[in-house]
N, C-alpha and C. Protein backbone atom coordinates (compact mmCIF):
# COMPACT_ATOMS: atom_id res chain seq x y z
N UNK A 1 27.24 -8.15 2.72
CA UNK A 1 26.38 -7.78 1.61
C UNK A 1 26.76 -6.36 1.19
N UNK A 2 27.04 -6.17 -0.09
CA UNK A 2 27.39 -4.82 -0.54
C UNK A 2 26.13 -4.02 -0.87
N UNK A 3 26.32 -2.77 -1.22
CA UNK A 3 25.18 -1.87 -1.44
C UNK A 3 24.31 -2.35 -2.61
N UNK A 4 24.91 -2.84 -3.67
CA UNK A 4 24.15 -3.33 -4.82
C UNK A 4 23.32 -4.55 -4.45
N UNK A 5 23.93 -5.49 -3.73
CA UNK A 5 23.20 -6.68 -3.30
C UNK A 5 22.07 -6.30 -2.35
N UNK A 6 22.33 -5.38 -1.46
CA UNK A 6 21.30 -4.94 -0.51
C UNK A 6 20.14 -4.29 -1.24
N UNK A 7 20.43 -3.44 -2.21
CA UNK A 7 19.37 -2.80 -2.99
C UNK A 7 18.53 -3.81 -3.73
N UNK A 8 19.18 -4.82 -4.31
CA UNK A 8 18.45 -5.87 -5.03
C UNK A 8 17.58 -6.67 -4.07
N UNK A 9 18.12 -6.95 -2.89
CA UNK A 9 17.34 -7.68 -1.88
C UNK A 9 16.12 -6.87 -1.44
N UNK A 10 16.31 -5.57 -1.19
CA UNK A 10 15.19 -4.71 -0.78
C UNK A 10 14.09 -4.70 -1.83
N UNK A 11 14.48 -4.57 -3.10
CA UNK A 11 13.50 -4.56 -4.17
C UNK A 11 12.76 -5.90 -4.26
N UNK A 12 13.50 -7.01 -4.16
CA UNK A 12 12.87 -8.33 -4.21
C UNK A 12 11.89 -8.52 -3.05
N UNK A 13 12.26 -8.05 -1.87
CA UNK A 13 11.37 -8.15 -0.71
C UNK A 13 10.12 -7.29 -0.90
N UNK A 14 10.28 -6.10 -1.44
CA UNK A 14 9.13 -5.23 -1.69
C UNK A 14 8.16 -5.89 -2.65
N UNK A 15 8.68 -6.45 -3.73
CA UNK A 15 7.82 -7.12 -4.72
C UNK A 15 7.15 -8.33 -4.09
N UNK A 16 7.89 -9.11 -3.32
CA UNK A 16 7.33 -10.30 -2.67
C UNK A 16 6.19 -9.92 -1.73
N UNK A 17 6.37 -8.87 -0.96
CA UNK A 17 5.36 -8.48 0.01
C UNK A 17 4.14 -7.84 -0.63
N UNK A 18 4.29 -7.32 -1.84
CA UNK A 18 3.16 -6.70 -2.52
C UNK A 18 2.42 -7.68 -3.41
N UNK A 19 2.86 -8.92 -3.48
CA UNK A 19 2.26 -9.92 -4.35
C UNK A 19 1.13 -10.65 -3.62
N UNK A 20 -0.06 -10.10 -3.71
CA UNK A 20 -1.23 -10.74 -3.13
C UNK A 20 -2.45 -10.35 -3.94
N UNK A 21 -3.60 -10.94 -3.66
CA UNK A 21 -4.78 -10.76 -4.50
C UNK A 21 -5.51 -9.44 -4.27
N UNK A 22 -5.21 -8.73 -3.21
CA UNK A 22 -5.82 -7.42 -2.99
C UNK A 22 -7.25 -7.46 -2.50
N UNK A 23 -7.71 -8.59 -2.04
CA UNK A 23 -9.08 -8.69 -1.54
C UNK A 23 -9.17 -8.02 -0.17
N UNK A 24 -10.32 -7.40 0.12
CA UNK A 24 -10.46 -6.75 1.42
C UNK A 24 -10.45 -7.76 2.56
N UNK A 25 -10.04 -7.32 3.72
CA UNK A 25 -10.06 -8.15 4.91
C UNK A 25 -11.52 -8.35 5.31
N UNK A 26 -11.91 -9.60 5.53
CA UNK A 26 -13.32 -9.92 5.79
C UNK A 26 -13.76 -9.57 7.21
N UNK A 27 -12.85 -9.27 8.10
CA UNK A 27 -13.20 -9.05 9.51
C UNK A 27 -13.78 -7.66 9.78
N UNK A 28 -13.92 -6.84 8.78
CA UNK A 28 -14.48 -5.51 8.98
C UNK A 28 -13.49 -4.45 8.53
N UNK A 29 -13.84 -3.19 8.77
CA UNK A 29 -12.98 -2.11 8.30
C UNK A 29 -11.58 -2.15 8.92
N UNK A 30 -10.61 -1.78 8.14
CA UNK A 30 -9.25 -1.63 8.65
C UNK A 30 -9.19 -0.40 9.55
N UNK A 31 -8.32 -0.44 10.53
CA UNK A 31 -8.09 0.77 11.32
C UNK A 31 -7.44 1.79 10.40
N UNK A 32 -7.70 3.06 10.65
CA UNK A 32 -7.17 4.12 9.80
C UNK A 32 -5.65 4.06 9.70
N UNK A 33 -5.00 3.80 10.82
CA UNK A 33 -3.53 3.72 10.84
C UNK A 33 -3.04 2.62 9.89
N UNK A 34 -3.69 1.47 9.93
CA UNK A 34 -3.30 0.36 9.07
C UNK A 34 -3.55 0.71 7.60
N UNK A 35 -4.71 1.27 7.31
CA UNK A 35 -5.04 1.62 5.93
C UNK A 35 -4.07 2.64 5.36
N UNK A 36 -3.70 3.64 6.15
CA UNK A 36 -2.77 4.66 5.63
C UNK A 36 -1.38 4.08 5.42
N UNK A 37 -0.96 3.16 6.26
CA UNK A 37 0.36 2.53 6.07
C UNK A 37 0.37 1.69 4.80
N UNK A 38 -0.73 0.98 4.53
CA UNK A 38 -0.82 0.20 3.31
C UNK A 38 -0.80 1.10 2.07
N UNK A 39 -1.54 2.19 2.12
CA UNK A 39 -1.55 3.13 1.00
C UNK A 39 -0.15 3.71 0.79
N UNK A 40 0.52 4.04 1.86
CA UNK A 40 1.88 4.57 1.76
C UNK A 40 2.80 3.53 1.10
N UNK A 41 2.65 2.27 1.48
CA UNK A 41 3.48 1.21 0.88
C UNK A 41 3.24 1.12 -0.62
N UNK A 42 2.00 1.23 -1.04
CA UNK A 42 1.72 1.16 -2.47
C UNK A 42 2.16 2.42 -3.20
N UNK A 43 2.18 3.54 -2.52
CA UNK A 43 2.74 4.75 -3.14
C UNK A 43 4.23 4.57 -3.38
N UNK A 44 4.92 3.97 -2.43
CA UNK A 44 6.34 3.67 -2.63
C UNK A 44 6.53 2.65 -3.75
N UNK A 45 5.65 1.66 -3.80
CA UNK A 45 5.74 0.66 -4.87
C UNK A 45 5.53 1.30 -6.24
N UNK A 46 4.62 2.25 -6.30
CA UNK A 46 4.39 2.94 -7.57
C UNK A 46 5.64 3.72 -7.97
N UNK A 47 6.32 4.29 -6.99
CA UNK A 47 7.53 5.07 -7.27
C UNK A 47 8.64 4.20 -7.87
N UNK A 48 8.65 2.90 -7.52
CA UNK A 48 9.67 2.02 -8.09
C UNK A 48 9.15 1.23 -9.29
N UNK A 49 7.91 1.52 -9.70
CA UNK A 49 7.38 0.91 -10.91
C UNK A 49 6.71 -0.44 -10.76
N UNK A 50 6.25 -0.79 -9.56
CA UNK A 50 5.55 -2.08 -9.39
C UNK A 50 4.27 -2.06 -10.24
N UNK A 51 4.05 -3.10 -11.05
CA UNK A 51 2.95 -3.07 -12.02
C UNK A 51 1.54 -2.95 -11.45
N UNK A 52 1.25 -3.50 -10.29
CA UNK A 52 -0.11 -3.47 -9.74
C UNK A 52 -0.32 -2.33 -8.76
N UNK A 53 0.70 -1.55 -8.51
CA UNK A 53 0.61 -0.57 -7.42
C UNK A 53 -0.39 0.55 -7.69
N UNK A 54 -0.54 0.99 -8.93
CA UNK A 54 -1.44 2.10 -9.21
C UNK A 54 -2.88 1.75 -8.85
N UNK A 55 -3.33 0.57 -9.28
CA UNK A 55 -4.70 0.16 -8.96
C UNK A 55 -4.90 0.00 -7.46
N UNK A 56 -3.92 -0.60 -6.78
CA UNK A 56 -4.04 -0.79 -5.34
C UNK A 56 -4.02 0.56 -4.61
N UNK A 57 -3.22 1.48 -5.09
CA UNK A 57 -3.17 2.82 -4.50
C UNK A 57 -4.53 3.50 -4.64
N UNK A 58 -5.12 3.43 -5.82
CA UNK A 58 -6.45 4.02 -6.03
C UNK A 58 -7.49 3.37 -5.12
N UNK A 59 -7.43 2.04 -5.02
CA UNK A 59 -8.40 1.35 -4.16
C UNK A 59 -8.22 1.73 -2.71
N UNK A 60 -6.97 1.83 -2.27
CA UNK A 60 -6.71 2.19 -0.88
C UNK A 60 -7.17 3.59 -0.54
N UNK A 61 -6.89 4.53 -1.43
CA UNK A 61 -7.33 5.91 -1.20
C UNK A 61 -8.85 6.00 -1.20
N UNK A 62 -9.50 5.28 -2.12
CA UNK A 62 -10.96 5.26 -2.15
C UNK A 62 -11.53 4.68 -0.86
N UNK A 63 -10.88 3.62 -0.35
CA UNK A 63 -11.31 3.00 0.90
C UNK A 63 -11.25 3.99 2.06
N UNK A 64 -10.15 4.72 2.14
CA UNK A 64 -9.98 5.69 3.23
C UNK A 64 -11.03 6.79 3.14
N UNK A 65 -11.25 7.33 1.96
CA UNK A 65 -12.24 8.40 1.78
C UNK A 65 -13.63 7.91 2.14
N UNK A 66 -13.96 6.68 1.73
CA UNK A 66 -15.29 6.12 2.00
C UNK A 66 -15.50 5.82 3.48
N UNK A 67 -14.50 5.23 4.13
CA UNK A 67 -14.67 4.76 5.50
C UNK A 67 -14.25 5.76 6.57
N UNK A 68 -13.52 6.79 6.19
CA UNK A 68 -13.06 7.79 7.15
C UNK A 68 -13.27 9.19 6.59
N UNK A 69 -14.54 9.58 6.37
CA UNK A 69 -14.77 10.91 5.81
C UNK A 69 -14.32 12.00 6.77
N UNK A 70 -13.80 13.07 6.19
CA UNK A 70 -13.37 14.21 7.02
C UNK A 70 -14.58 14.96 7.51
N UNK A 71 -14.48 15.44 8.71
CA UNK A 71 -15.54 16.26 9.30
C UNK A 71 -15.32 17.72 8.95
N UNK A 72 -16.36 18.48 8.89
CA UNK A 72 -16.21 19.92 8.63
C UNK A 72 -15.31 20.54 9.67
N UNK A 73 -14.36 21.33 9.22
CA UNK A 73 -13.44 21.99 10.13
C UNK A 73 -12.22 21.15 10.47
N UNK A 74 -12.12 19.94 9.90
CA UNK A 74 -10.97 19.07 10.20
C UNK A 74 -9.76 19.48 9.40
């Protein structure tokens, strides 16, 4: 696989993995580590122009702020 084919494959995989309905997990709050990794993934998706990434990024950041508030002095 050459560099161009690899780049196309990576982009196709990123789009495939980001194609879901965005509904919250029903089992309860996500662990902070999981939530931050998901937000990071959508930040990367936004950087490559994925159409739904901005809304998902906003939702993810809002989720983290709501469920993991910073403590004074943190």
